[in-house]
C-alpha atoms as a PDB file:
ATOM      1  CA  MET A   1     -38.018  19.031 -24.326  1.00  0.00           C
ATOM      2  CA  LYS A   2     -37.652  21.122 -20.999  1.00  0.00           C
ATOM      3  CA  SER A   3     -38.203  17.669 -19.534  1.00  0.00           C
ATOM      4  CA  PHE A   4     -35.755  16.739 -21.608  1.00  0.00           C
ATOM      5  CA  ARG A   5     -33.106  19.502 -20.942  1.00  0.00           C
ATOM      6  CA  THR A   6     -34.369  18.967 -17.261  1.00  0.00           C
ATOM      7  CA  LEU A   7     -33.287  15.167 -17.289  1.00  0.00           C
ATOM      8  CA  ALA A   8     -29.975  15.507 -18.671  1.00  0.00           C
ATOM      9  CA  ALA A   9     -28.673  18.162 -16.063  1.00  0.00           C
ATOM     10  CA  PHE A  10     -29.691  16.388 -13.132  1.00  0.00           C
ATOM     11  CA  ALA A  11     -27.572  13.726 -14.972  1.00  0.00           C
ATOM     12  CA  TRP A  12     -24.294  15.755 -15.642  1.00  0.00           C
ATOM     13  CA  LEU A  13     -24.783  17.206 -12.672  1.00  0.00           C
ATOM     14  CA  ALA A  14     -24.839  12.881 -10.550  1.00  0.00           C
ATOM     15  CA  GLY A  15     -21.828  13.071 -12.590  1.00  0.00           C
ATOM     16  CA  THR A  16     -20.457  15.824 -11.914  1.00  0.00           C
ATOM     17  CA  SER A  17     -20.701  15.358  -8.371  1.00  0.00           C
ATOM     18  CA  ALA A  18     -19.052  12.027  -8.203  1.00  0.00           C
ATOM     19  CA  ALA A  19     -16.437  12.630 -10.059  1.00  0.00           C
ATOM     20  CA  PHE A  20     -15.727  15.617  -7.378  1.00  0.00           C
ATOM     21  CA  ALA A  21     -16.654  13.871  -4.563  1.00  0.00           C
ATOM     22  CA  ALA A  22     -13.463  11.498  -3.922  1.00  0.00           C
ATOM     23  CA  ASP A  23     -10.282  13.121  -3.354  1.00  0.00           C
ATOM     24  CA  HIS A  24      -6.768  11.727  -5.153  1.00  0.00           C
ATOM     25  CA  TYR A  25      -3.795  11.485  -3.162  1.00  0.00           C
ATOM     26  CA  THR A  26      -0.682  11.292  -4.412  1.00  0.00           C
ATOM     27  CA  ILE A  27       1.747   8.749  -1.987  1.00  0.00           C
ATOM     28  CA  ASP A  28       5.010  10.392  -0.622  1.00  0.00           C
ATOM     29  CA  PRO A  29       7.724   9.007  -0.961  1.00  0.00           C
ATOM     30  CA  ALA A  30      10.126  11.194   1.150  1.00  0.00           C
ATOM     31  CA  HIS A  31       7.156   8.966   4.195  1.00  0.00           C
ATOM     32  CA  THR A  32       6.319   5.808   2.373  1.00  0.00           C
ATOM     33  CA  PHE A  33       8.407   2.923   4.152  1.00  0.00           C
ATOM     34  CA  PRO A  34       7.145  -1.075   3.763  1.00  0.00           C
ATOM     35  CA  ARG A  35       8.513  -2.273   6.142  1.00  0.00           C
ATOM     36  CA  PHE A  36       8.619  -6.103   7.568  1.00  0.00           C
ATOM     37  CA  GLU A  37       9.104  -9.071  10.480  1.00  0.00           C
ATOM     38  CA  VAL A  38      10.406 -11.474  10.365  1.00  0.00           C
ATOM     39  CA  SER A  39      11.777 -14.864  12.607  1.00  0.00           C
ATOM     40  CA  HIS A  40      15.233 -15.242  12.039  1.00  0.00           C
ATOM     41  CA  PHE A  41      15.979 -18.634  13.082  1.00  0.00           C
ATOM     42  CA  GLY A  42      13.661 -18.451  15.937  1.00  0.00           C
ATOM     43  CA  PHE A  43      15.759 -16.364  17.766  1.00  0.00           C
ATOM     44  CA  SER A  44      15.162 -12.563  16.891  1.00  0.00           C
ATOM     45  CA  THR A  45      12.672 -10.887  14.502  1.00  0.00           C
ATOM     46  CA  HIS A  46      14.543  -9.854  11.617  1.00  0.00           C
ATOM     47  CA  ARG A  47      13.399  -6.398  10.045  1.00  0.00           C
ATOM     48  CA  GLY A  48      14.149  -4.376   7.265  1.00  0.00           C
ATOM     49  CA  GLN A  49      12.694  -2.090   4.877  1.00  0.00           C
ATOM     50  CA  PHE A  50      12.009  -0.607   1.234  1.00  0.00           C
ATOM     51  CA  ASN A  51      12.966   2.975   0.516  1.00  0.00           C
ATOM     52  CA  THR A  52      11.878   3.562  -2.540  1.00  0.00           C
ATOM     53  CA  THR A  53       7.811   3.766  -3.087  1.00  0.00           C
ATOM     54  CA  ALA A  54       5.070   5.265  -5.059  1.00  0.00           C
ATOM     55  CA  GLY A  55       1.965   5.667  -5.250  1.00  0.00           C
ATOM     56  CA  LYS A  56      -1.789   7.073  -5.501  1.00  0.00           C
ATOM     57  CA  LEU A  57      -4.599   6.895  -3.334  1.00  0.00           C
ATOM     58  CA  VAL A  58      -8.139   7.453  -3.590  1.00  0.00           C
ATOM     59  CA  LEU A  59     -11.145   8.276  -0.434  1.00  0.00           C
ATOM     60  CA  ASP A  60     -14.574   9.448  -1.042  1.00  0.00           C
ATOM     61  CA  ARG A  61     -15.396   8.959   2.669  1.00  0.00           C
ATOM     62  CA  ALA A  62     -19.436  10.484   1.894  1.00  0.00           C
ATOM     63  CA  ALA A  63     -19.793   7.101  -0.193  1.00  0.00           C
ATOM     64  CA  LYS A  64     -17.230   5.325   2.373  1.00  0.00           C
ATOM     65  CA  THR A  65     -15.060   4.125  -0.933  1.00  0.00           C
ATOM     66  CA  GLY A  66     -11.742   4.657  -2.397  1.00  0.00           C
ATOM     67  CA  ASN A  67      -8.563   2.685  -2.950  1.00  0.00           C
ATOM     68  CA  VAL A  68      -4.814   2.565  -2.490  1.00  0.00           C
ATOM     69  CA  GLU A  69      -2.081   1.791  -5.402  1.00  0.00           C
ATOM     70  CA  ILE A  70       1.683   1.150  -3.722  1.00  0.00           C
ATOM     71  CA  THR A  71       4.366   0.209  -6.180  1.00  0.00           C
ATOM     72  CA  VAL A  72       7.859  -0.923  -3.985  1.00  0.00           C
ATOM     73  CA  GLN A  73      11.701  -0.859  -6.030  1.00  0.00           C
ATOM     74  CA  THR A  74      12.986  -4.060  -4.450  1.00  0.00           C
ATOM     75  CA  ALA A  75      16.078  -3.113  -5.404  1.00  0.00           C
ATOM     76  CA  SER A  76      15.831  -0.642  -2.095  1.00  0.00           C
ATOM     77  CA  ILE A  77      15.278  -3.247   0.489  1.00  0.00           C
ATOM     78  CA  GLY A  78      17.429  -2.040   3.560  1.00  0.00           C
ATOM     79  CA  THR A  79      18.516  -4.106   6.693  1.00  0.00           C
ATOM     80  CA  GLY A  80      21.450  -2.586   8.253  1.00  0.00           C
ATOM     81  CA  ASP A  81      23.646  -4.956   6.897  1.00  0.00           C
ATOM     82  CA  PRO A  82      25.066  -4.740   2.755  1.00  0.00           C
ATOM     83  CA  ARG A  83      25.872  -8.968   2.800  1.00  0.00           C
ATOM     84  CA  LEU A  84      21.788  -9.516   3.780  1.00  0.00           C
ATOM     85  CA  GLU A  85      20.383  -6.709   1.713  1.00  0.00           C
ATOM     86  CA  SER A  86      22.730  -8.627  -1.176  1.00  0.00           C
ATOM     87  CA  GLU A  87      21.225 -11.651  -0.669  1.00  0.00           C
ATOM     88  CA  LEU A  88      18.005 -10.227  -0.241  1.00  0.00           C
ATOM     89  CA  ARG A  89      18.161  -9.002  -4.094  1.00  0.00           C
ATOM     90  CA  SER A  90      19.728 -12.289  -5.695  1.00  0.00           C
ATOM     91  CA  ASP A  91      17.396 -14.369  -7.087  1.00  0.00           C
ATOM     92  CA  LYS A  92      17.151 -16.728  -3.410  1.00  0.00           C
ATOM     93  CA  PHE A  93      14.767 -14.255  -1.748  1.00  0.00           C
ATOM     94  CA  PHE A  94      13.388 -10.905  -4.184  1.00  0.00           C
ATOM     95  CA  ASN A  95      15.271 -11.485  -7.461  1.00  0.00           C
ATOM     96  CA  VAL A  96      15.279  -8.041  -8.305  1.00  0.00           C
ATOM     97  CA  GLU A  97      16.869  -8.331 -11.523  1.00  0.00           C
ATOM     98  CA  LYS A  98      13.827 -10.442 -12.835  1.00  0.00           C
ATOM     99  CA  PHE A  99      10.912  -8.927 -10.607  1.00  0.00           C
ATOM    100  CA  PRO A 100      12.265  -5.118  -9.697  1.00  0.00           C
ATOM    101  CA  VAL A 101       8.720  -4.052  -8.568  1.00  0.00           C
ATOM    102  CA  MET A 102       6.057  -5.263  -5.752  1.00  0.00           C
ATOM    103  CA  THR A 103       2.733  -3.909  -5.720  1.00  0.00           C
ATOM    104  CA  PHE A 104       0.236  -3.382  -3.495  1.00  0.00           C
ATOM    105  CA  LYS A 105      -3.741  -2.641  -5.000  1.00  0.00           C
ATOM    106  CA  SER A 106      -6.356  -2.428  -3.640  1.00  0.00           C
ATOM    107  CA  LYS A 107      -9.600  -3.330  -4.710  1.00  0.00           C
ATOM    108  CA  THR A 108     -11.875  -2.265  -2.127  1.00  0.00           C
ATOM    109  CA  LEU A 109     -11.855   0.110   1.324  1.00  0.00           C
ATOM    110  CA  LYS A 110     -13.504  -0.418   4.624  1.00  0.00           C
ATOM    111  CA  PHE A 111     -14.967   1.973   6.638  1.00  0.00           C
ATOM    112  CA  ASN A 112     -15.487   1.947   9.709  1.00  0.00           C
ATOM    113  CA  GLY A 113     -18.006   5.135  10.484  1.00  0.00           C
ATOM    114  CA  ASP A 114     -15.892   7.854   8.539  1.00  0.00           C
ATOM    115  CA  VAL A 115     -12.875   6.486   8.574  1.00  0.00           C
ATOM    116  CA  PRO A 116     -11.346   3.633   6.287  1.00  0.00           C
ATOM    117  CA  ALA A 117     -10.348  -0.078   7.995  1.00  0.00           C
ATOM    118  CA  SER A 118      -9.288  -2.164   6.288  1.00  0.00           C
ATOM    119  CA  ALA A 119      -8.120  -2.319   2.120  1.00  0.00           C
ATOM    120  CA  GLU A 120      -8.513  -5.180   0.234  1.00  0.00           C
ATOM    121  CA  GLY A 121      -6.634  -6.260  -2.907  1.00  0.00           C
ATOM    122  CA  GLU A 122      -3.229  -8.421  -4.154  1.00  0.00           C
ATOM    123  CA  LEU A 123      -0.282  -8.263  -3.537  1.00  0.00           C
ATOM    124  CA  THR A 124       2.615  -9.021  -6.819  1.00  0.00           C
ATOM    125  CA  LEU A 125       5.618  -9.696  -5.860  1.00  0.00           C
ATOM    126  CA  LEU A 126       7.691 -12.362  -7.853  1.00  0.00           C
ATOM    127  CA  GLY A 127       5.370 -12.252 -10.598  1.00  0.00           C
ATOM    128  CA  VAL A 128       2.661 -14.486  -8.728  1.00  0.00           C
ATOM    129  CA  THR A 129      -0.329 -12.089  -7.409  1.00  0.00           C
ATOM    130  CA  LYS A 130      -2.569 -13.770  -4.673  1.00  0.00           C
ATOM    131  CA  PRO A 131      -4.811 -11.575  -2.282  1.00  0.00           C
ATOM    132  CA  LEU A 132      -3.947  -9.574   0.781  1.00  0.00           C
ATOM    133  CA  THR A 133      -5.906  -7.449   3.218  1.00  0.00           C
ATOM    134  CA  LEU A 134      -4.105  -4.491   5.108  1.00  0.00           C
ATOM    135  CA  ALA A 135      -5.731  -3.414   8.223  1.00  0.00           C
ATOM    136  CA  ILE A 136      -5.883   0.485   8.758  1.00  0.00           C
ATOM    137  CA  SER A 137      -5.023   2.797  12.279  1.00  0.00           C
ATOM    138  CA  GLN A 138      -3.528   6.051  13.102  1.00  0.00           C
ATOM    139  CA  VAL A 139      -5.731   7.860  10.137  1.00  0.00           C
ATOM    140  CA  LYS A 140      -5.402  11.610   9.657  1.00  0.00           C
ATOM    141  CA  CYS A 141      -6.193  13.680   7.239  1.00  0.00           C
ATOM    142  CA  GLY A 142      -5.551  17.372   7.522  1.00  0.00           C
ATOM    143  CA  THR A 143      -3.901  20.258   6.266  1.00  0.00           C
ATOM    144  CA  HIS A 144       0.469  19.416   6.422  1.00  0.00           C
ATOM    145  CA  PRO A 145       1.810  22.115   9.383  1.00  0.00           C
ATOM    146  CA  LEU A 146       5.159  22.446   7.380  1.00  0.00           C
ATOM    147  CA  ASN A 147       4.484  22.186   3.275  1.00  0.00           C
ATOM    148  CA  LYS A 148       1.040  23.715   3.903  1.00  0.00           C
ATOM    149  CA  LYS A 149      -0.404  21.053   2.068  1.00  0.00           C
ATOM    150  CA  ASP A 150      -3.695  18.635   2.483  1.00  0.00           C
ATOM    151  CA  ASP A 151      -2.142  15.211   3.020  1.00  0.00           C
ATOM    152  CA  CYS A 152      -4.104  12.188   4.822  1.00  0.00           C
ATOM    153  CA  GLY A 153      -1.152   9.266   6.655  1.00  0.00           C
ATOM    154  CA  ALA A 154      -2.057   5.863   8.263  1.00  0.00           C
ATOM    155  CA  GLU A 155      -0.282   2.613   9.738  1.00  0.00           C
ATOM    156  CA  LEU A 156      -1.215  -0.030   7.153  1.00  0.00           C
ATOM    157  CA  THR A 157      -0.386  -3.690   8.173  1.00  0.00           C
ATOM    158  CA  GLY A 158      -1.048  -7.430   7.637  1.00  0.00           C
ATOM    159  CA  SER A 159       0.813 -10.277   7.326  1.00  0.00           C
ATOM    160  CA  LEU A 160       1.344 -13.221   4.557  1.00  0.00           C
ATOM    161  CA  LYS A 161       3.151 -16.696   3.632  1.00  0.00           C
ATOM    162  CA  ARG A 162       5.993 -15.300   1.556  1.00  0.00           C
ATOM    163  CA  SER A 163       6.091 -19.466  -0.280  1.00  0.00           C
ATOM    164  CA  GLU A 164       2.893 -18.396  -1.584  1.00  0.00           C
ATOM    165  CA  PHE A 165       4.675 -16.049  -3.684  1.00  0.00           C
ATOM    166  CA  GLY A 166       7.800 -18.724  -4.169  1.00  0.00           C
ATOM    167  CA  MET A 167      10.184 -17.466  -1.825  1.00  0.00           C
ATOM    168  CA  LYS A 168      11.603 -20.369   0.155  1.00  0.00           C
ATOM    169  CA  THR A 169      14.342 -20.123   0.502  1.00  0.00           C
ATOM    170  CA  GLY A 170      15.001 -20.824   4.700  1.00  0.00           C
ATOM    171  CA  VAL A 171      12.120 -22.118   5.344  1.00  0.00           C
ATOM    172  CA  PRO A 172      11.355 -22.345   8.121  1.00  0.00           C
ATOM    173  CA  ALA A 173      13.985 -22.220  10.090  1.00  0.00           C
ATOM    174  CA  VAL A 174      13.580 -18.324   8.762  1.00  0.00           C
ATOM    175  CA  GLY A 175      10.342 -18.047   9.265  1.00  0.00           C
ATOM    176  CA  ASP A 176       7.508 -17.582   6.302  1.00  0.00           C
ATOM    177  CA  GLU A 177       5.253 -15.612   8.290  1.00  0.00           C
ATOM    178  CA  ILE A 178       6.392 -12.495   7.173  1.00  0.00           C
ATOM    179  CA  THR A 179       4.516  -9.043   8.966  1.00  0.00           C
ATOM    180  CA  LEU A 180       3.782  -6.226   6.269  1.00  0.00           C
ATOM    181  CA  ARG A 181       3.960  -2.258   8.194  1.00  0.00           C
ATOM    182  CA  ILE A 182       4.008   0.355   5.879  1.00  0.00           C
ATOM    183  CA  GLN A 183       3.582   3.984   6.816  1.00  0.00           C
ATOM    184  CA  VAL A 184       2.081   6.081   4.553  1.00  0.00           C
ATOM    185  CA  GLU A 185       1.549   9.966   3.696  1.00  0.00           C
ATOM    186  CA  ALA A 186       0.061  11.158   1.102  1.00  0.00           C
ATOM    187  CA  TRP A 187      -0.934  14.737  -0.410  1.00  0.00           C
ATOM    188  CA  LYS A 188      -4.305  15.339  -2.312  1.00  0.00           C
ATOM    189  CA  GLU A 189      -3.863  16.679  -5.963  1.00  0.00           C
END
C-alpha cells in the first residue's frame, strides 16, 4: 500500500510539474501587427498590415516546446490608400465577407539553445490551409517597464505564395511571393 501511495504521489507531482512548466501568454493586440510585402509591378515593394489580431502563446523553456496561435481579422487591412484597401477586401483578394479571419497555428516551436528559433505550423487563408514555417528572432521576455506585466516579444518572418491559397488576381505583375513579418508582444496569463 505504501508503494502505491508513493507511486501515486510521484505521478501527481510529475503531472503537476509538467502542467506548471509551460508559461501561457495572451497576444497583445495593441502591439501585434502582421505585415506583408509584395512586388508592385516590379517598380516597388508594396507593404501593408493588419490592425486587428488575437491569439495565444505557450512557452516551455525547460522542455524546449511551445506553440503560437494568431488570428487576424482580414477586414482590418491597412495600406495607407483607402481605394486599395477596398480592393484588397473584395473577392479578388482577401474576400473578407466570406473569409473574415486568417489564422496561423504552429504545431511545434524549434529552439536554438534556450530561445525559440522557428514556429512550424499551418496558415489558413481563404479557406485553404498550407504548411508555413516562420523564423523567430529578437526574442525578449521579462517585466515590461510600463505595465509591469511579464511580457514576451519577438519578430516572426516567413514567405508564401498567395496563389497557393487561391489569391491569383494580378499574378505575376503583382507578385505571387509574399513576405510576412509579424511583430508579436504577449503578456503572461
